[in-house]
Amino acid sequence: MVKGEGQAPLYQYLTSTDANQNTAGDITWNFEKFLVSKEGKVVARFKPKVKPDEKDVIEAIEKELAKGK
């Protein structure tokens, strides 16, 4: 489950302030997206209506990938 009683540990972490205080909070709807750094920290969160190929998503992914170079 992504929220409520029986929430999977992954979603508990993704929505917690431990992962990122700025991206914490309940999942609002299906297709909510999280970008996780190589260090396991949530660096971005995108609303369900944001498409995976939108400019903001691509830029965030490219920014994280560039950190490893």
N, C-alpha and C. Protein backbone atom coordinates (compact mmCIF):
# COMPACT_ATOMS: atom_id res chain seq x y z
N MET A 1 0.84 -1.18 0.00
CA MET A 1 0.00 0.00 0.00
C MET A 1 0.88 1.25 0.00
N VAL A 2 0.40 2.27 -0.62
CA VAL A 2 1.18 3.51 -0.69
C VAL A 2 0.84 4.49 0.42
N LYS A 3 -0.26 4.27 1.11
CA LYS A 3 -0.59 5.13 2.24
C LYS A 3 -1.53 4.41 3.19
N GLY A 4 -1.64 4.95 4.39
CA GLY A 4 -2.53 4.37 5.38
C GLY A 4 -1.92 3.21 6.12
N GLU A 5 -2.77 2.50 6.85
CA GLU A 5 -2.31 1.35 7.63
C GLU A 5 -1.81 0.28 6.68
N GLY A 6 -0.65 -0.27 6.96
CA GLY A 6 -0.06 -1.26 6.08
C GLY A 6 0.77 -0.65 4.96
N GLN A 7 1.11 0.64 5.09
CA GLN A 7 1.91 1.31 4.07
C GLN A 7 3.26 0.61 3.93
N ALA A 8 3.65 0.36 2.70
CA ALA A 8 4.93 -0.31 2.43
C ALA A 8 6.08 0.54 2.93
N PRO A 9 7.15 -0.09 3.43
CA PRO A 9 8.30 0.65 3.94
C PRO A 9 8.88 1.65 2.94
N LEU A 10 8.90 1.30 1.67
CA LEU A 10 9.42 2.22 0.66
C LEU A 10 8.64 3.54 0.69
N TYR A 11 7.32 3.46 0.72
CA TYR A 11 6.51 4.67 0.71
C TYR A 11 6.56 5.39 2.05
N GLN A 12 6.77 4.66 3.12
CA GLN A 12 6.97 5.31 4.42
C GLN A 12 8.20 6.20 4.34
N TYR A 13 9.26 5.69 3.75
CA TYR A 13 10.50 6.45 3.63
C TYR A 13 10.34 7.63 2.66
N LEU A 14 9.80 7.36 1.47
CA LEU A 14 9.68 8.40 0.45
C LEU A 14 8.88 9.60 0.93
N THR A 15 7.90 9.38 1.77
CA THR A 15 7.02 10.45 2.22
C THR A 15 7.42 11.01 3.58
N SER A 16 8.52 10.53 4.14
CA SER A 16 8.93 10.96 5.48
C SER A 16 9.84 12.19 5.42
N THR A 17 9.94 12.86 6.53
CA THR A 17 10.87 14.00 6.62
C THR A 17 12.31 13.51 6.66
N ASP A 18 12.54 12.23 6.97
CA ASP A 18 13.89 11.67 6.94
C ASP A 18 14.45 11.67 5.52
N ALA A 19 13.60 11.42 4.55
CA ALA A 19 14.03 11.38 3.16
C ALA A 19 14.31 12.80 2.65
N ASN A 20 13.41 13.72 2.96
CA ASN A 20 13.57 15.13 2.56
C ASN A 20 12.39 15.90 3.13
N GLN A 21 12.68 16.84 3.97
CA GLN A 21 11.63 17.63 4.61
C GLN A 21 10.78 18.36 3.57
N ASN A 22 11.38 18.77 2.48
CA ASN A 22 10.66 19.52 1.44
C ASN A 22 9.74 18.66 0.59
N THR A 23 9.95 17.35 0.57
CA THR A 23 9.12 16.48 -0.27
C THR A 23 8.25 15.54 0.56
N ALA A 24 8.27 15.71 1.87
CA ALA A 24 7.50 14.84 2.76
C ALA A 24 6.00 15.09 2.62
N GLY A 25 5.22 14.10 3.00
CA GLY A 25 3.77 14.23 2.99
C GLY A 25 3.11 13.07 2.29
N ASP A 26 1.85 12.89 2.57
CA ASP A 26 1.10 11.78 1.99
C ASP A 26 1.08 11.83 0.47
N ILE A 27 1.02 10.66 -0.12
CA ILE A 27 0.84 10.55 -1.56
C ILE A 27 -0.59 10.96 -1.87
N THR A 28 -0.75 11.81 -2.87
CA THR A 28 -2.07 12.36 -3.16
C THR A 28 -2.88 11.52 -4.14
N TRP A 29 -2.19 10.83 -5.04
CA TRP A 29 -2.91 10.07 -6.08
C TRP A 29 -1.92 9.17 -6.79
N ASN A 30 -2.43 8.25 -7.58
CA ASN A 30 -1.58 7.37 -8.38
C ASN A 30 -0.64 8.19 -9.26
N PHE A 31 0.46 7.63 -9.59
CA PHE A 31 1.45 8.20 -10.50
C PHE A 31 2.24 9.37 -9.91
N GLU A 32 2.23 9.51 -8.59
CA GLU A 32 3.13 10.48 -7.95
C GLU A 32 4.54 9.95 -8.16
N LYS A 33 5.47 10.83 -8.48
CA LYS A 33 6.82 10.42 -8.83
C LYS A 33 7.84 11.00 -7.87
N PHE A 34 8.86 10.19 -7.55
CA PHE A 34 9.94 10.60 -6.67
C PHE A 34 11.26 10.39 -7.40
N LEU A 35 12.16 11.36 -7.26
CA LEU A 35 13.51 11.22 -7.79
C LEU A 35 14.43 11.04 -6.60
N VAL A 36 15.18 9.95 -6.61
CA VAL A 36 16.06 9.59 -5.49
C VAL A 36 17.50 9.66 -5.95
N SER A 37 18.33 10.31 -5.14
CA SER A 37 19.75 10.45 -5.47
C SER A 37 20.48 9.13 -5.30
N LYS A 38 21.73 9.08 -5.75
CA LYS A 38 22.56 7.89 -5.57
C LYS A 38 22.78 7.59 -4.10
N GLU A 39 22.66 8.62 -3.27
CA GLU A 39 22.83 8.45 -1.82
C GLU A 39 21.54 8.01 -1.13
N GLY A 40 20.46 7.88 -1.88
CA GLY A 40 19.20 7.42 -1.32
C GLY A 40 18.32 8.50 -0.74
N LYS A 41 18.62 9.75 -1.04
CA LYS A 41 17.81 10.87 -0.56
C LYS A 41 16.82 11.28 -1.65
N VAL A 42 15.62 11.61 -1.24
CA VAL A 42 14.64 12.11 -2.19
C VAL A 42 15.04 13.54 -2.56
N VAL A 43 15.28 13.78 -3.83
CA VAL A 43 15.71 15.11 -4.28
C VAL A 43 14.60 15.86 -5.00
N ALA A 44 13.58 15.15 -5.43
CA ALA A 44 12.46 15.82 -6.10
C ALA A 44 11.22 14.93 -6.01
N ARG A 45 10.10 15.61 -6.07
CA ARG A 45 8.81 14.92 -6.04
C ARG A 45 7.91 15.63 -7.03
N PHE A 46 7.23 14.85 -7.84
CA PHE A 46 6.39 15.40 -8.89
C PHE A 46 4.96 14.92 -8.73
N LYS A 47 4.03 15.82 -8.91
CA LYS A 47 2.60 15.53 -8.77
C LYS A 47 2.15 14.52 -9.82
N PRO A 48 1.04 13.83 -9.56
CA PRO A 48 0.56 12.80 -10.48
C PRO A 48 0.33 13.28 -11.91
N LYS A 49 -0.12 14.51 -12.09
CA LYS A 49 -0.42 14.99 -13.44
C LYS A 49 0.83 15.39 -14.23
N VAL A 50 1.97 15.47 -13.56
CA VAL A 50 3.22 15.78 -14.26
C VAL A 50 3.66 14.52 -15.01
N LYS A 51 3.88 14.66 -16.30
CA LYS A 51 4.27 13.52 -17.11
C LYS A 51 5.77 13.27 -16.97
N PRO A 52 6.19 12.01 -17.04
CA PRO A 52 7.61 11.68 -16.87
C PRO A 52 8.53 12.34 -17.89
N ASP A 53 8.01 12.73 -19.03
CA ASP A 53 8.87 13.34 -20.05
C ASP A 53 8.78 14.87 -20.08
N GLU A 54 8.18 15.46 -19.05
CA GLU A 54 8.11 16.92 -18.98
C GLU A 54 9.49 17.51 -18.67
N LYS A 55 9.67 18.74 -19.11
CA LYS A 55 10.95 19.43 -18.99
C LYS A 55 11.49 19.41 -17.57
N ASP A 56 10.66 19.72 -16.57
CA ASP A 56 11.12 19.78 -15.18
C ASP A 56 11.64 18.44 -14.69
N VAL A 57 10.99 17.37 -15.08
CA VAL A 57 11.40 16.03 -14.67
C VAL A 57 12.74 15.69 -15.32
N ILE A 58 12.84 15.91 -16.60
CA ILE A 58 14.07 15.59 -17.32
C ILE A 58 15.24 16.41 -16.78
N GLU A 59 15.02 17.69 -16.53
CA GLU A 59 16.08 18.54 -16.00
C GLU A 59 16.54 18.07 -14.62
N ALA A 60 15.60 17.65 -13.77
CA ALA A 60 15.96 17.17 -12.44
C ALA A 60 16.78 15.88 -12.53
N ILE A 61 16.40 15.00 -13.42
CA ILE A 61 17.13 13.74 -13.61
C ILE A 61 18.54 14.04 -14.14
N GLU A 62 18.63 14.89 -15.15
CA GLU A 62 19.95 15.23 -15.71
C GLU A 62 20.84 15.90 -14.67
N LYS A 63 20.28 16.74 -13.84
CA LYS A 63 21.05 17.40 -12.78
C LYS A 63 21.63 16.37 -11.82
N GLU A 64 20.83 15.39 -11.44
CA GLU A 64 21.32 14.35 -10.52
C GLU A 64 22.37 13.49 -11.18
N LEU A 65 22.17 13.14 -12.43
CA LEU A 65 23.15 12.32 -13.14
C LEU A 65 24.48 13.04 -13.28
N ALA A 66 24.43 14.34 -13.48
CA ALA A 66 25.66 15.13 -13.65
C ALA A 66 26.49 15.17 -12.37
N LYS A 67 25.86 15.00 -11.24
CA LYS A 67 26.59 15.03 -9.96
C LYS A 67 27.56 13.87 -9.85
N GLY A 68 27.31 12.80 -10.55
CA GLY A 68 28.16 11.62 -10.46
C GLY A 68 29.36 11.68 -11.37
N LYS A 69 29.48 12.73 -12.14
CA LYS A 69 30.60 12.81 -13.10
C LYS A 69 31.76 13.56 -12.54
